[in-house]
Protein backbone atom coordinates (compact mmCIF):
# COMPACT_ATOMS: atom_id res chain seq x y z
CA MET A 1 29.99 38.06 150.06
CA PRO A 2 31.92 40.77 148.23
CA VAL A 3 35.45 39.36 149.08
CA VAL A 4 36.51 35.78 148.50
CA ARG A 5 39.79 35.04 150.31
CA ALA A 6 42.29 32.75 148.71
CA SER A 7 41.79 30.37 151.63
CA GLU A 8 38.02 30.21 150.79
CA ALA A 9 38.42 29.20 147.19
CA VAL A 10 36.93 25.82 146.39
CA VAL A 11 39.19 23.30 144.56
CA HIS A 12 38.01 20.81 141.97
CA ASP A 13 40.11 18.29 140.01
CA MET A 14 38.93 17.05 136.65
CA HIS A 15 40.69 15.58 133.56
CA GLY A 16 44.10 16.19 135.14
CA VAL A 17 43.44 19.95 135.70
CA ARG A 18 42.87 21.73 138.98
CA PHE A 19 40.05 24.36 139.02
CA VAL A 20 40.29 26.79 141.89
CA SER A 21 36.90 28.46 142.03
CA TYR A 22 36.47 32.00 143.37
CA ALA A 23 33.27 33.57 141.98
CA THR A 24 30.14 31.39 141.89
CA THR A 25 26.56 31.76 143.05
CA ASP A 26 27.67 30.06 146.31
CA SER A 27 30.17 32.83 146.95
CA GLY A 28 27.64 35.58 146.11
CA SER A 29 28.04 36.22 142.39
CA LYS A 30 24.77 36.61 140.53
CA GLU A 31 25.93 36.78 136.90
CA LEU A 32 29.61 35.78 136.56
CA ALA A 33 31.76 32.82 137.43
CA ALA A 34 35.59 33.03 137.67
CA TRP A 35 38.26 30.50 138.47
CA ARG A 36 41.90 29.79 138.04
CA GLY A 37 42.84 26.68 136.04
CA GLU A 38 46.19 24.98 136.95
CA ILE A 39 47.34 22.86 134.03
CA PRO A 40 50.30 20.57 134.79
CA ALA A 41 53.14 20.13 132.31
CA GLY A 42 52.33 17.51 129.70
CA THR A 43 48.58 17.60 130.17
CA LYS A 44 46.58 16.55 127.10
CA ALA A 45 43.46 18.45 126.25
CA THR A 46 39.85 17.28 126.67
CA PRO A 47 37.95 18.81 123.79
CA HIS A 48 34.52 20.24 124.81
CA THR A 49 31.87 22.56 123.45
CA VAL A 50 30.73 25.38 125.75
CA THR A 51 27.26 26.86 126.10
CA ARG A 52 28.38 30.34 127.25
CA GLU A 53 31.16 32.67 126.24
CA GLU A 54 34.43 32.20 128.20
CA ILE A 55 37.35 34.63 128.52
CA LEU A 56 40.67 32.88 129.21
CA HIS A 57 43.73 34.93 130.33
CA LEU A 58 46.97 33.08 130.66
CA LEU A 59 48.67 34.10 133.91
CA SER A 60 51.82 31.95 133.62
CA GLY A 61 53.38 29.36 131.37
CA SER A 62 52.31 28.53 127.86
CA LEU A 63 49.41 26.57 126.41
CA ARG A 64 48.07 25.34 123.13
CA LEU A 65 44.41 26.32 122.67
CA THR A 66 42.56 24.48 119.90
CA LEU A 67 39.45 26.46 119.06
CA ASP A 68 37.02 25.05 116.52
CA GLY A 69 39.90 23.04 115.01
CA THR A 70 42.46 25.83 114.82
CA ALA A 71 45.50 25.64 117.14
CA HIS A 72 46.78 28.84 118.84
CA ALA A 73 49.92 29.13 121.00
CA LEU A 74 49.33 31.14 124.09
CA THR A 75 51.98 32.71 126.33
CA ALA A 76 51.65 34.54 129.62
CA GLY A 77 49.61 37.71 129.19
CA ASP A 78 47.59 36.41 126.19
CA THR A 79 43.78 36.42 126.33
CA ALA A 80 41.48 34.19 124.30
CA ILE A 81 37.78 34.73 123.66
CA VAL A 82 35.81 31.56 123.30
CA ASN A 83 32.27 32.19 121.96
CA ALA A 84 29.30 30.10 123.04
CA GLY A 85 28.95 26.98 120.83
CA SER A 86 32.68 26.76 120.18
CA GLU A 87 34.73 23.61 120.73
CA LEU A 88 37.88 24.19 122.71
CA ALA A 89 40.72 22.22 124.16
CA LEU A 90 43.64 23.44 126.29
CA GLU A 91 46.90 21.53 126.30
CA ASN A 92 50.18 22.14 128.06
CA PRO A 93 52.94 20.57 126.01
CA ALA A 94 55.59 22.46 127.97
CA ASP A 95 57.86 21.17 130.74
CA SER A 96 56.39 23.55 133.35
CA PRO A 97 52.85 24.10 134.69
CA ALA A 98 50.59 26.86 133.33
CA SER A 99 47.86 28.90 135.11
CA VAL A 100 44.92 30.46 133.41
CA TRP A 101 42.19 32.78 134.74
CA VAL A 102 38.74 32.06 133.31
CA THR A 103 35.59 34.20 133.47
CA THR A 104 32.16 33.26 132.12
CA SER A 105 28.52 33.76 132.90
CA VAL A 106 26.87 31.63 135.55
CA GLY A 107 25.40 28.44 134.26
CA LEU A 108 28.07 27.47 131.75
CA GLU A 109 27.87 23.82 130.62
CA ALA A 110 30.27 21.79 128.50
CA THR A 111 29.62 18.87 126.21
CA LEU A 112 32.39 16.36 125.56
CA ARG A 113 32.76 14.76 122.12
CA ASP A 114 31.12 11.55 123.37
CA GLY A 115 27.98 13.54 124.20
CA THR A 116 28.52 13.68 127.96
CA ARG A 117 27.22 16.96 129.30
CA ILE A 118 28.94 18.57 132.33
CA ALA A 119 27.72 21.38 134.51
CA PRO A 120 30.93 22.23 136.29
CA PRO A 121 30.42 23.35 139.87
CA TRP A 122 33.10 26.03 139.56
CA ALA A 123 30.98 27.69 136.78
CA GLY A 124 27.83 27.98 138.89
């Protein structure tokens, strides 16, 4: 389907973050996945290593991105490029929620520090 209406987006909650999924193989995308992440104020990061490149664009609020051990302050309008094999963690230390748009290639998987491997449904 070439158009995914806001009312058709699929919502997933994990690690205190809401993932609102728009582009997946289920919605007709063949190569890319895209979703909005809603990160509540005070949310602590869950570090994970990704198998595919991700592009994160901060729509609103502010976040702390830790990428391969280096912390970066992001404000609305900033974009971060996370290469495959990088460890990242997003944290919202602010008093207000943040919203981030994420795009990656279909099939992204993440590995948590404890070795748990996750194939998020919003990245498929």
